Amino acid sequence: MKSLREIPRLKPPPTPLRLSEIAPTIPKYEEAEEIAPEEQGLLARIKRLFKRKSGEVVPA
């Protein structure tokens, strides 16, 4: 039989959060920060690359 020191202790599972507790911390879509112009260009390039890889037609 193992001694008590050799047996790993089990931690109790964390209590699940209710949506009503989390919801106030999630920023609403309208409150989200505006995307900077230089980031918009990057996002557009990334989207174009993904469209090319998926086989969709991409305007030059």
C-alpha atoms as a PDB file:
ATOM      1  CA  MET A   1       0.000   0.000   0.000  1.00  0.00           C
ATOM      2  CA  LYS A   2       1.288   3.470  -0.908  1.00  0.00           C
ATOM      3  CA  SER A   3       1.920   6.062   1.727  1.00  0.00           C
ATOM      4  CA  LEU A   4      -0.246   9.183   1.667  1.00  0.00           C
ATOM      5  CA  ARG A   5       2.681  11.297   0.415  1.00  0.00           C
ATOM      6  CA  GLU A   6       3.018   9.226  -2.768  1.00  0.00           C
ATOM      7  CA  ILE A   7      -0.656   9.592  -3.743  1.00  0.00           C
ATOM      8  CA  PRO A   8      -1.202  12.730  -5.851  1.00  0.00           C
ATOM      9  CA  ARG A   9      -3.910  14.991  -4.516  1.00  0.00           C
ATOM     10  CA  LEU A  10      -6.908  15.555  -6.738  1.00  0.00           C
ATOM     11  CA  LYS A  11      -7.975  19.147  -7.162  1.00  0.00           C
ATOM     12  CA  PRO A  12     -11.707  19.819  -7.147  1.00  0.00           C
ATOM     13  CA  PRO A  13     -13.037  20.832 -10.573  1.00  0.00           C
ATOM     14  CA  PRO A  14     -13.396  24.598 -11.045  1.00  0.00           C
ATOM     15  CA  THR A  15     -16.919  25.885 -10.652  1.00  0.00           C
ATOM     16  CA  PRO A  16     -18.359  26.613 -14.105  1.00  0.00           C
ATOM     17  CA  LEU A  17     -19.094  30.278 -14.810  1.00  0.00           C
ATOM     18  CA  ARG A  18     -22.594  31.282 -15.764  1.00  0.00           C
ATOM     19  CA  LEU A  19     -23.058  33.227 -18.984  1.00  0.00           C
ATOM     20  CA  SER A  20     -24.568  36.083 -16.965  1.00  0.00           C
ATOM     21  CA  GLU A  21     -21.237  36.354 -15.114  1.00  0.00           C
ATOM     22  CA  ILE A  22     -19.146  36.344 -18.299  1.00  0.00           C
ATOM     23  CA  ALA A  23     -21.393  38.412 -20.590  1.00  0.00           C
ATOM     24  CA  PRO A  24     -20.614  41.851 -19.091  1.00  0.00           C
ATOM     25  CA  THR A  25     -16.885  41.284 -19.716  1.00  0.00           C
ATOM     26  CA  ILE A  26     -17.315  40.489 -23.444  1.00  0.00           C
ATOM     27  CA  PRO A  27     -17.122  43.680 -25.543  1.00  0.00           C
ATOM     28  CA  LYS A  28     -20.078  44.162 -27.834  1.00  0.00           C
ATOM     29  CA  TYR A  29     -19.459  44.253 -31.584  1.00  0.00           C
ATOM     30  CA  GLU A  30     -20.335  47.964 -31.765  1.00  0.00           C
ATOM     31  CA  GLU A  31     -17.905  48.724 -28.935  1.00  0.00           C
ATOM     32  CA  ALA A  32     -15.011  46.903 -30.592  1.00  0.00           C
ATOM     33  CA  GLU A  33     -12.092  49.133 -31.538  1.00  0.00           C
ATOM     34  CA  GLU A  34     -11.857  50.352 -35.102  1.00  0.00           C
ATOM     35  CA  ILE A  35      -9.266  48.525 -37.208  1.00  0.00           C
ATOM     36  CA  ALA A  36      -6.308  50.742 -38.148  1.00  0.00           C
ATOM     37  CA  PRO A  37      -5.948  51.420 -41.928  1.00  0.00           C
ATOM     38  CA  GLU A  38      -2.602  49.588 -42.141  1.00  0.00           C
ATOM     39  CA  GLU A  39      -4.190  46.535 -40.484  1.00  0.00           C
ATOM     40  CA  GLN A  40      -7.126  46.640 -42.911  1.00  0.00           C
ATOM     41  CA  GLY A  41      -4.666  46.295 -45.811  1.00  0.00           C
ATOM     42  CA  LEU A  42      -3.040  43.308 -44.165  1.00  0.00           C
ATOM     43  CA  LEU A  43      -6.400  41.675 -43.471  1.00  0.00           C
ATOM     44  CA  ALA A  44      -7.441  42.173 -47.100  1.00  0.00           C
ATOM     45  CA  ARG A  45      -4.203  40.540 -48.302  1.00  0.00           C
ATOM     46  CA  ILE A  46      -4.660  37.586 -45.965  1.00  0.00           C
ATOM     47  CA  LYS A  47      -8.270  37.106 -47.104  1.00  0.00           C
ATOM     48  CA  ARG A  48      -7.150  37.191 -50.759  1.00  0.00           C
ATOM     49  CA  LEU A  49      -4.507  34.549 -50.069  1.00  0.00           C
ATOM     50  CA  PHE A  50      -7.074  32.276 -48.434  1.00  0.00           C
ATOM     51  CA  LYS A  51      -9.462  32.745 -51.361  1.00  0.00           C
ATOM     52  CA  ARG A  52      -6.694  31.758 -53.799  1.00  0.00           C
ATOM     53  CA  LYS A  53      -5.915  28.629 -51.795  1.00  0.00           C
ATOM     54  CA  SER A  54      -9.584  27.654 -51.615  1.00  0.00           C
ATOM     55  CA  GLY A  55      -9.883  28.000 -55.414  1.00  0.00           C
ATOM     56  CA  GLU A  56     -12.132  31.063 -55.549  1.00  0.00           C
ATOM     57  CA  VAL A  57     -11.571  33.702 -58.225  1.00  0.00           C
ATOM     58  CA  VAL A  58      -9.737  36.728 -56.829  1.00  0.00           C
ATOM     59  CA  PRO A  59      -9.711  40.146 -58.525  1.00  0.00           C
ATOM     60  CA  ALA A  60      -6.154  41.446 -58.968  1.00  0.00           C
END
